[in-house]
């Protein structure tokens, strides 16, 4: 288990119990509990699991900015819930990155919500891949 250190919007790179690189977002108590994990996957991809809502969306945006690469791929198969604030955080992290953010294994529901909320046009640098 990764130790937690209290600090403002602290994001630390660490190794998880299975030896995988992960970004640890420490809950500072200002917005609510962080309910997602972002860990390094195979081949330079990152894996996002859990729920992203208004309370933890800023932490997700900060964490995603630290994962930029070429290609920049995040597997979202384990993303159970995301609200508009979470989608806005994803779009904000990708804005101005210079490389597209590819969200792999995006569920039909996520792709539909992304389009309905207007992010398909407004955040063209984010590619949702089934």
Protein backbone atom coordinates (compact mmCIF):
# COMPACT_ATOMS: atom_id res chain seq x y z
CA UNK A 1 0.00 0.00 0.00
CA UNK A 2 1.24 3.46 -0.87
CA UNK A 3 1.78 5.85 2.00
CA UNK A 4 -0.21 9.07 1.90
CA UNK A 5 1.19 12.48 2.67
CA UNK A 6 -1.10 15.46 3.29
CA UNK A 7 -0.41 18.49 1.10
CA UNK A 8 -2.29 20.84 -1.22
CA UNK A 9 -3.30 19.04 -4.42
CA UNK A 10 -0.37 16.70 -3.97
CA UNK A 11 0.30 14.31 -6.82
CA UNK A 12 3.14 11.89 -6.29
CA UNK A 13 4.56 9.30 -8.62
CA UNK A 14 5.01 5.99 -6.81
CA UNK A 15 5.13 2.26 -7.28
CA UNK A 16 2.01 0.35 -6.32
CA UNK A 17 1.99 -2.98 -4.45
CA UNK A 18 2.21 -4.82 -7.78
CA UNK A 19 5.24 -2.78 -8.88
CA UNK A 20 3.28 -0.69 -11.42
CA UNK A 21 3.96 3.04 -11.70
CA UNK A 22 1.03 5.05 -10.47
CA UNK A 23 0.10 8.61 -9.75
CA UNK A 24 -1.09 9.01 -6.19
CA UNK A 25 -3.46 11.92 -5.70
CA UNK A 26 -3.63 12.85 -2.06
CA UNK A 27 -6.99 14.05 -0.76
CA UNK A 28 -6.43 17.43 0.85
CA UNK A 29 -9.97 17.55 2.27
CA UNK A 30 -10.97 20.67 0.34
CA UNK A 31 -13.02 19.07 -2.42
CA UNK A 32 -13.92 15.61 -1.23
CA UNK A 33 -12.42 12.17 -1.58
CA UNK A 34 -10.56 11.14 -4.70
CA UNK A 35 -12.46 8.24 -6.22
CA UNK A 36 -10.26 7.28 -9.15
CA UNK A 37 -6.91 5.65 -9.78
CA UNK A 38 -4.54 6.32 -12.65
CA UNK A 39 -1.82 3.72 -13.07
CA UNK A 40 0.75 2.93 -15.74
CA UNK A 41 -0.37 0.16 -18.06
CA UNK A 42 1.38 -1.81 -20.77
CA UNK A 43 3.22 -0.13 -23.62
CA UNK A 44 3.24 3.39 -22.20
CA UNK A 45 -0.52 3.61 -21.74
CA UNK A 46 -2.22 4.70 -18.54
CA UNK A 47 -5.27 3.07 -16.96
CA UNK A 48 -8.04 5.17 -15.40
CA UNK A 49 -10.46 3.40 -13.04
CA UNK A 50 -13.22 4.51 -10.72
CA UNK A 51 -15.47 7.55 -10.68
CA UNK A 52 -14.76 11.16 -11.63
CA UNK A 53 -17.15 13.85 -10.49
CA UNK A 54 -17.09 17.53 -9.59
CA UNK A 55 -15.26 16.86 -6.33
CA UNK A 56 -12.22 15.20 -7.87
CA UNK A 57 -12.22 16.55 -11.45
CA UNK A 58 -9.41 19.09 -10.78
CA UNK A 59 -7.23 16.30 -9.37
CA UNK A 60 -7.85 14.23 -12.51
CA UNK A 61 -6.88 17.14 -14.78
CA UNK A 62 -3.63 17.60 -12.84
CA UNK A 63 -2.86 13.90 -12.90
CA UNK A 64 -3.58 13.57 -16.63
CA UNK A 65 -1.25 16.47 -17.46
CA UNK A 66 1.57 14.47 -15.86
CA UNK A 67 0.93 11.46 -18.10
CA UNK A 68 1.48 13.17 -21.46
CA UNK A 69 3.40 11.14 -23.97
CA UNK A 70 3.54 10.33 -27.66
CA UNK A 71 1.20 8.65 -28.18
CA UNK A 72 -0.89 9.79 -25.21
CA UNK A 73 -3.21 6.89 -24.42
CA UNK A 74 -5.46 6.33 -21.41
CA UNK A 75 -7.50 3.13 -21.09
CA UNK A 76 -10.91 4.07 -19.65
CA UNK A 77 -12.51 0.61 -19.62
CA UNK A 78 -12.60 0.78 -15.81
CA UNK A 79 -14.15 4.24 -15.65
CA UNK A 80 -17.47 3.57 -13.92
CA UNK A 81 -18.84 7.12 -13.79
CA UNK A 82 -17.94 10.55 -15.11
CA UNK A 83 -19.99 13.74 -14.91
CA UNK A 84 -19.68 16.91 -17.00
CA UNK A 85 -17.02 18.29 -14.64
CA UNK A 86 -14.99 15.13 -15.17
CA UNK A 87 -15.34 15.39 -18.94
CA UNK A 88 -14.37 19.06 -18.75
CA UNK A 89 -11.25 18.06 -16.75
CA UNK A 90 -10.27 15.55 -19.44
CA UNK A 91 -10.75 18.18 -22.16
CA UNK A 92 -8.80 20.78 -20.15
CA UNK A 93 -5.88 18.42 -19.61
CA UNK A 94 -5.69 17.77 -23.35
CA UNK A 95 -6.05 21.41 -24.39
CA UNK A 96 -2.84 22.76 -25.84
CA UNK A 97 -0.94 19.53 -25.29
CA UNK A 98 0.28 19.35 -28.86
CA UNK A 99 -0.63 15.69 -29.11
CA UNK A 100 -4.08 14.07 -29.09
CA UNK A 101 -5.30 12.31 -25.96
CA UNK A 102 -6.71 8.91 -26.93
CA UNK A 103 -9.23 7.39 -24.52
CA UNK A 104 -9.21 3.70 -25.37
CA UNK A 105 -12.03 1.26 -24.56
CA UNK A 106 -14.50 4.12 -24.14
CA UNK A 107 -17.92 2.64 -23.42
CA UNK A 108 -20.88 3.42 -25.67
CA UNK A 109 -22.38 5.41 -22.77
CA UNK A 110 -19.23 7.53 -22.37
CA UNK A 111 -19.06 8.19 -26.12
CA UNK A 112 -22.73 9.19 -26.17
CA UNK A 113 -22.43 11.49 -23.13
CA UNK A 114 -19.27 13.05 -24.58
CA UNK A 115 -21.15 13.88 -27.79
CA UNK A 116 -24.34 15.09 -26.05
CA UNK A 117 -22.33 17.40 -23.79
CA UNK A 118 -20.68 18.93 -26.85
CA UNK A 119 -17.16 17.72 -26.20
CA UNK A 120 -16.91 15.87 -29.54
CA UNK A 121 -16.70 19.30 -31.22
CA UNK A 122 -15.29 21.43 -28.41
CA UNK A 123 -12.46 19.03 -27.49
CA UNK A 124 -11.46 17.60 -30.85
CA UNK A 125 -7.98 16.81 -29.46
CA UNK A 126 -9.58 14.05 -27.33
CA UNK A 127 -10.27 10.90 -29.33
CA UNK A 128 -12.67 8.35 -27.85
CA UNK A 129 -11.78 4.90 -29.16
CA UNK A 130 -14.18 1.96 -28.61
